[in-house]
C-alpha atoms as a PDB file:
ATOM      1  CA  MET A   1       4.459 -23.088 -15.059  1.00  0.00           C
ATOM      2  CA  ALA A   2       1.835 -20.128 -14.372  1.00  0.00           C
ATOM      3  CA  GLU A   3       2.509 -18.043 -11.218  1.00  0.00           C
ATOM      4  CA  ASP A   4      -0.350 -18.227  -8.562  1.00  0.00           C
ATOM      5  CA  ASN A   5      -1.906 -14.885  -8.411  1.00  0.00           C
ATOM      6  CA  SER A   6      -4.572 -15.732  -6.152  1.00  0.00           C
ATOM      7  CA  THR A   7      -5.229 -13.459  -3.070  1.00  0.00           C
ATOM      8  CA  PRO A   8      -4.933 -15.200   0.160  1.00  0.00           C
ATOM      9  CA  ASP A   9      -7.408 -14.585   2.735  1.00  0.00           C
ATOM     10  CA  THR A  10      -5.539 -12.388   5.002  1.00  0.00           C
ATOM     11  CA  ALA A  11      -7.499 -13.178   8.259  1.00  0.00           C
ATOM     12  CA  THR A  12      -6.216 -16.956   8.160  1.00  0.00           C
ATOM     13  CA  LEU A  13      -2.379 -16.080   7.589  1.00  0.00           C
ATOM     14  CA  SER A  14       0.236 -16.268  10.133  1.00  0.00           C
ATOM     15  CA  PHE A  15       2.281 -13.170  10.910  1.00  0.00           C
ATOM     16  CA  GLU A  16       5.117 -14.837   8.963  1.00  0.00           C
ATOM     17  CA  ASP A  17       3.128 -15.808   5.951  1.00  0.00           C
ATOM     18  CA  ALA A  18       1.534 -12.265   5.868  1.00  0.00           C
ATOM     19  CA  LEU A  19       4.839 -10.612   5.975  1.00  0.00           C
ATOM     20  CA  ARG A  20       6.271 -12.779   3.256  1.00  0.00           C
ATOM     21  CA  ALA A  21       3.408 -12.014   1.212  1.00  0.00           C
ATOM     22  CA  LEU A  22       3.652  -8.297   1.814  1.00  0.00           C
ATOM     23  CA  GLU A  23       7.432  -8.447   1.118  1.00  0.00           C
ATOM     24  CA  THR A  24       6.720 -10.052  -2.371  1.00  0.00           C
ATOM     25  CA  ILE A  25       4.276  -7.255  -3.361  1.00  0.00           C
ATOM     26  CA  VAL A  26       6.700  -4.592  -2.391  1.00  0.00           C
ATOM     27  CA  ARG A  27       9.502  -6.221  -4.622  1.00  0.00           C
ATOM     28  CA  ARG A  28       7.102  -6.541  -7.506  1.00  0.00           C
ATOM     29  CA  LEU A  29       5.934  -2.848  -7.015  1.00  0.00           C
ATOM     30  CA  GLU A  30       9.207  -1.576  -6.652  1.00  0.00           C
ATOM     31  CA  SER A  31      10.386  -3.479  -9.976  1.00  0.00           C
ATOM     32  CA  GLY A  32       8.339  -1.146 -11.895  1.00  0.00           C
ATOM     33  CA  ASP A  33       7.235  -3.775 -14.242  1.00  0.00           C
ATOM     34  CA  VAL A  34       3.940  -3.827 -13.071  1.00  0.00           C
ATOM     35  CA  PRO A  35       1.029  -2.348 -15.382  1.00  0.00           C
ATOM     36  CA  LEU A  36      -0.750   0.475 -13.421  1.00  0.00           C
ATOM     37  CA  ASP A  37      -4.147  -1.625 -12.737  1.00  0.00           C
ATOM     38  CA  GLU A  38      -2.237  -4.312 -11.291  1.00  0.00           C
ATOM     39  CA  SER A  39      -0.194  -2.029  -9.099  1.00  0.00           C
ATOM     40  CA  ILE A  40      -3.194  -0.729  -7.708  1.00  0.00           C
ATOM     41  CA  SER A  41      -4.743  -4.115  -6.763  1.00  0.00           C
ATOM     42  CA  LEU A  42      -1.220  -5.106  -5.392  1.00  0.00           C
ATOM     43  CA  TYR A  43      -1.241  -1.852  -3.239  1.00  0.00           C
ATOM     44  CA  ALA A  44      -4.715  -2.688  -1.807  1.00  0.00           C
ATOM     45  CA  GLN A  45      -3.571  -6.262  -1.204  1.00  0.00           C
ATOM     46  CA  GLY A  46      -0.239  -5.131   0.365  1.00  0.00           C
ATOM     47  CA  GLU A  47      -2.221  -2.628   2.648  1.00  0.00           C
ATOM     48  CA  GLU A  48      -4.571  -5.383   4.017  1.00  0.00           C
ATOM     49  CA  LEU A  49      -1.434  -7.450   4.762  1.00  0.00           C
ATOM     50  CA  ARG A  50       0.264  -4.565   6.513  1.00  0.00           C
ATOM     51  CA  LYS A  51      -2.890  -4.197   8.710  1.00  0.00           C
ATOM     52  CA  ARG A  52      -2.963  -7.917   9.432  1.00  0.00           C
ATOM     53  CA  CYS A  53       0.802  -7.740  10.506  1.00  0.00           C
ATOM     54  CA  ALA A  54       0.294  -4.745  12.660  1.00  0.00           C
ATOM     55  CA  GLU A  55      -2.755  -6.439  14.494  1.00  0.00           C
ATOM     56  CA  ARG A  56      -0.796  -9.581  15.033  1.00  0.00           C
ATOM     57  CA  LEU A  57       2.183  -7.591  16.585  1.00  0.00           C
ATOM     58  CA  GLN A  58      -0.243  -5.576  18.869  1.00  0.00           C
ATOM     59  CA  ALA A  59      -1.674  -8.743  20.038  1.00  0.00           C
ATOM     60  CA  ALA A  60       1.520 -10.177  20.637  1.00  0.00           C
ATOM     61  CA  GLU A  61       2.777  -7.183  22.559  1.00  0.00           C
ATOM     62  CA  ALA A  62      -0.610  -7.556  24.571  1.00  0.00           C
ATOM     63  CA  ARG A  63       0.034 -11.051  25.662  1.00  0.00           C
ATOM     64  CA  ILE A  64       3.754 -10.417  26.523  1.00  0.00           C
ATOM     65  CA  ALA A  65       3.341  -7.617  29.031  1.00  0.00           C
ATOM     66  CA  LYS A  66       0.894  -5.725  30.900  1.00  0.00           C
ATOM     67  CA  LEU A  67       2.282  -2.438  32.053  1.00  0.00           C
ATOM     68  CA  THR A  68       1.874  -1.106  35.513  1.00  0.00           C
ATOM     69  CA  VAL A  69       1.632   2.858  36.023  1.00  0.00           C
ATOM     70  CA  ASP A  70       1.596   4.811  39.091  1.00  0.00           C
ATOM     71  CA  THR A  71      -0.868   7.633  39.947  1.00  0.00           C
ATOM     72  CA  ASN A  72       0.956  10.057  37.456  1.00  0.00           C
ATOM     73  CA  GLY A  73       0.644   7.806  34.644  1.00  0.00           C
ATOM     74  CA  ALA A  74       4.604   6.783  34.706  1.00  0.00           C
ATOM     75  CA  VAL A  75       5.170   3.031  33.905  1.00  0.00           C
ATOM     76  CA  THR A  76       6.680   1.630  36.892  1.00  0.00           C
ATOM     77  CA  GLY A  77       6.891  -2.046  35.638  1.00  0.00           C
ATOM     78  CA  ALA A  78       5.656  -4.996  33.775  1.00  0.00           C
ATOM     79  CA  GLN A  79       4.139  -8.466  34.481  1.00  0.00           C
ATOM     80  CA  PRO A  80       3.167 -11.114  32.095  1.00  0.00           C
ATOM     81  CA  PHE A  81      -0.391 -10.833  30.576  1.00  0.00           C
ATOM     82  CA  GLY A  82      -2.971 -12.542  32.562  1.00  0.00           C
ATOM     83  CA  ALA A  83      -1.035 -12.361  35.861  1.00  0.00           C
ATOM     84  CA  ASP A  84      -3.009 -10.231  38.472  1.00  0.00           C
END
């Protein structure tokens, strides 16, 4: 059976699916068995997946805690996102 080489839409992937796809790309690139043109394409796909994962992590962090700072800019605590 042929391997599915279609490129998933990174905007619709969950964090976990994007991370799995990125790990698969890294393994393929590290194997050294991928032709140069395909390596370049895989690298570009990997970069998109990396960006997606970073965006999802940043969004999760923003939802988890809203930092409170004093007048000097020192963090004095955190509160759940949306709590005022």
